[in-house]
Amino acid sequence: QVQLVESGGGLVQAGGSLRLSCATSGSIFSINVMGWYRQAPGKQRESVATISSGGSTDYANSVKGRFTISTDNAKNTVYLQMNSLKPEDTAVYYCRLTQRSRQYWGQGTQVTVSS
């Protein structure tokens, strides 16, 4: 099985920074893409940032220039560095792994940005 565990969420003042981590484990053989998604109350889950096995990245327009996705292969971990946080970034953030067209999700970590 594949397991994803997010950490690093919390409460932060607007303009502050957080770094989310996603530790991966289990039957991981061929990763196509890793990504971060978020879901605010009453809204659909949306893509925030993705990184392919080749290192290509994509970001939602709302976070470009503020968020950075990266990986540490030695630690089997994916990160999301979030800078210049805004109240609209408040959401539960989820890590997703795509392998052979199968999608696996972490449990989510809450990020709350206050004014």
Protein backbone atom coordinates (compact mmCIF):
# COMPACT_ATOMS: atom_id res chain seq x y z
CA GLN A 1 0.00 0.00 0.00
CA VAL A 2 0.93 3.66 -0.40
CA GLN A 3 0.89 6.01 2.56
CA LEU A 4 1.18 9.78 2.62
CA VAL A 5 1.48 11.80 5.82
CA GLU A 6 1.33 15.59 5.78
CA SER A 7 2.69 17.84 8.49
CA GLY A 8 3.65 21.45 9.06
CA GLY A 9 0.27 23.14 9.06
CA GLY A 10 -0.81 25.60 11.69
CA LEU A 11 -1.86 29.15 12.44
CA VAL A 12 0.13 31.99 10.93
CA GLN A 13 -0.27 35.75 10.55
CA ALA A 14 -0.86 37.18 7.10
CA GLY A 15 2.46 37.74 5.40
CA GLY A 16 4.08 34.88 7.24
CA SER A 17 5.45 31.57 6.02
CA LEU A 18 4.91 27.86 6.53
CA ARG A 19 6.55 24.77 5.11
CA LEU A 20 4.40 21.70 4.61
CA SER A 21 5.93 18.24 4.40
CA CYS A 22 4.57 15.05 2.88
CA ALA A 23 6.32 11.85 3.85
CA THR A 24 5.71 8.95 1.49
CA SER A 25 6.04 5.23 2.09
CA GLY A 26 4.75 1.87 0.90
CA SER A 27 4.51 0.27 -2.51
CA ILE A 28 5.83 3.10 -4.60
CA PHE A 29 7.32 1.90 -7.86
CA SER A 30 6.66 4.51 -10.50
CA ILE A 31 5.58 8.03 -9.57
CA ASN A 32 4.14 10.15 -12.35
CA VAL A 33 3.43 13.27 -10.33
CA MET A 34 3.28 14.60 -6.79
CA GLY A 35 1.09 17.47 -5.82
CA TRP A 36 -0.47 19.63 -3.17
CA TYR A 37 -4.17 20.38 -3.14
CA ARG A 38 -6.30 22.42 -0.79
CA GLN A 39 -9.93 22.60 0.18
CA ALA A 40 -11.66 25.42 2.01
CA PRO A 41 -15.05 24.97 3.70
CA GLY A 42 -17.86 24.90 1.16
CA LYS A 43 -15.50 24.76 -1.80
CA GLN A 44 -14.16 22.05 -4.07
CA ARG A 45 -10.66 20.75 -3.68
CA GLU A 46 -8.26 22.58 -5.96
CA SER A 47 -4.76 21.99 -7.21
CA VAL A 48 -2.11 24.22 -5.66
CA ALA A 49 1.18 22.89 -6.99
CA THR A 50 2.45 19.79 -8.76
CA ILE A 51 5.85 18.37 -9.63
CA SER A 52 6.47 15.62 -12.16
CA SER A 53 8.99 12.81 -11.98
CA GLY A 54 11.14 14.86 -14.33
CA GLY A 55 11.07 17.88 -12.04
CA SER A 56 8.64 20.05 -13.98
CA THR A 57 6.39 22.16 -11.77
CA ASP A 58 3.00 23.79 -12.16
CA TYR A 59 1.30 26.24 -9.85
CA ALA A 60 -2.13 27.71 -9.47
CA ASN A 61 -2.15 31.33 -10.56
CA SER A 62 -3.21 32.36 -7.08
CA VAL A 63 0.02 31.07 -5.53
CA LYS A 64 2.60 31.75 -8.24
CA GLY A 65 5.55 33.65 -6.87
CA ARG A 66 4.63 32.76 -3.29
CA PHE A 67 4.63 28.95 -3.08
CA THR A 68 7.35 26.49 -4.08
CA ILE A 69 7.02 22.72 -4.39
CA SER A 70 10.14 20.58 -4.05
CA THR A 71 11.24 17.04 -3.28
CA ASP A 72 13.93 15.34 -1.25
CA ASN A 73 14.26 11.92 -2.83
CA ALA A 74 16.65 10.64 -0.17
CA LYS A 75 13.97 11.29 2.45
CA ASN A 76 11.03 10.32 0.23
CA THR A 77 9.46 13.63 1.09
CA VAL A 78 7.68 16.38 -0.81
CA TYR A 79 7.56 19.94 0.49
CA LEU A 80 5.46 23.00 -0.08
CA GLN A 81 7.12 26.24 0.97
CA MET A 82 4.46 28.90 1.44
CA ASN A 83 5.50 32.54 1.73
CA SER A 84 3.55 35.79 1.89
CA LEU A 85 0.52 33.92 3.13
CA LYS A 86 -2.91 35.49 2.78
CA PRO A 87 -6.18 34.78 4.61
CA GLU A 88 -7.54 33.31 1.36
CA ASP A 89 -4.90 30.58 1.64
CA THR A 90 -6.75 29.18 4.65
CA ALA A 91 -7.71 25.58 3.88
CA VAL A 92 -6.93 21.97 4.55
CA TYR A 93 -3.91 21.05 2.45
CA TYR A 94 -3.59 17.54 1.03
CA CYS A 95 -0.66 15.73 -0.52
CA ARG A 96 -1.36 13.55 -3.56
CA LEU A 97 0.72 10.90 -5.28
CA THR A 98 -0.11 9.62 -8.74
CA GLN A 99 1.29 6.23 -9.73
CA ARG A 100 0.21 4.38 -12.86
CA SER A 101 -2.86 6.61 -13.06
CA ARG A 102 -3.82 5.70 -9.49
CA GLN A 103 -4.18 8.55 -7.03
CA TYR A 104 -3.31 8.37 -3.34
CA TRP A 105 -4.09 11.04 -0.77
CA GLY A 106 -2.78 12.02 2.61
CA GLN A 107 -4.97 12.88 5.57
CA GLY A 108 -4.56 16.63 5.20
CA THR A 109 -3.13 19.36 7.39
CA GLN A 110 -4.92 22.55 8.39
CA VAL A 111 -3.46 25.92 7.42
CA THR A 112 -5.07 28.99 8.92
CA VAL A 113 -3.94 32.50 8.01
CA SER A 114 -5.17 35.34 10.19
CA SER A 115 -5.34 39.04 9.42
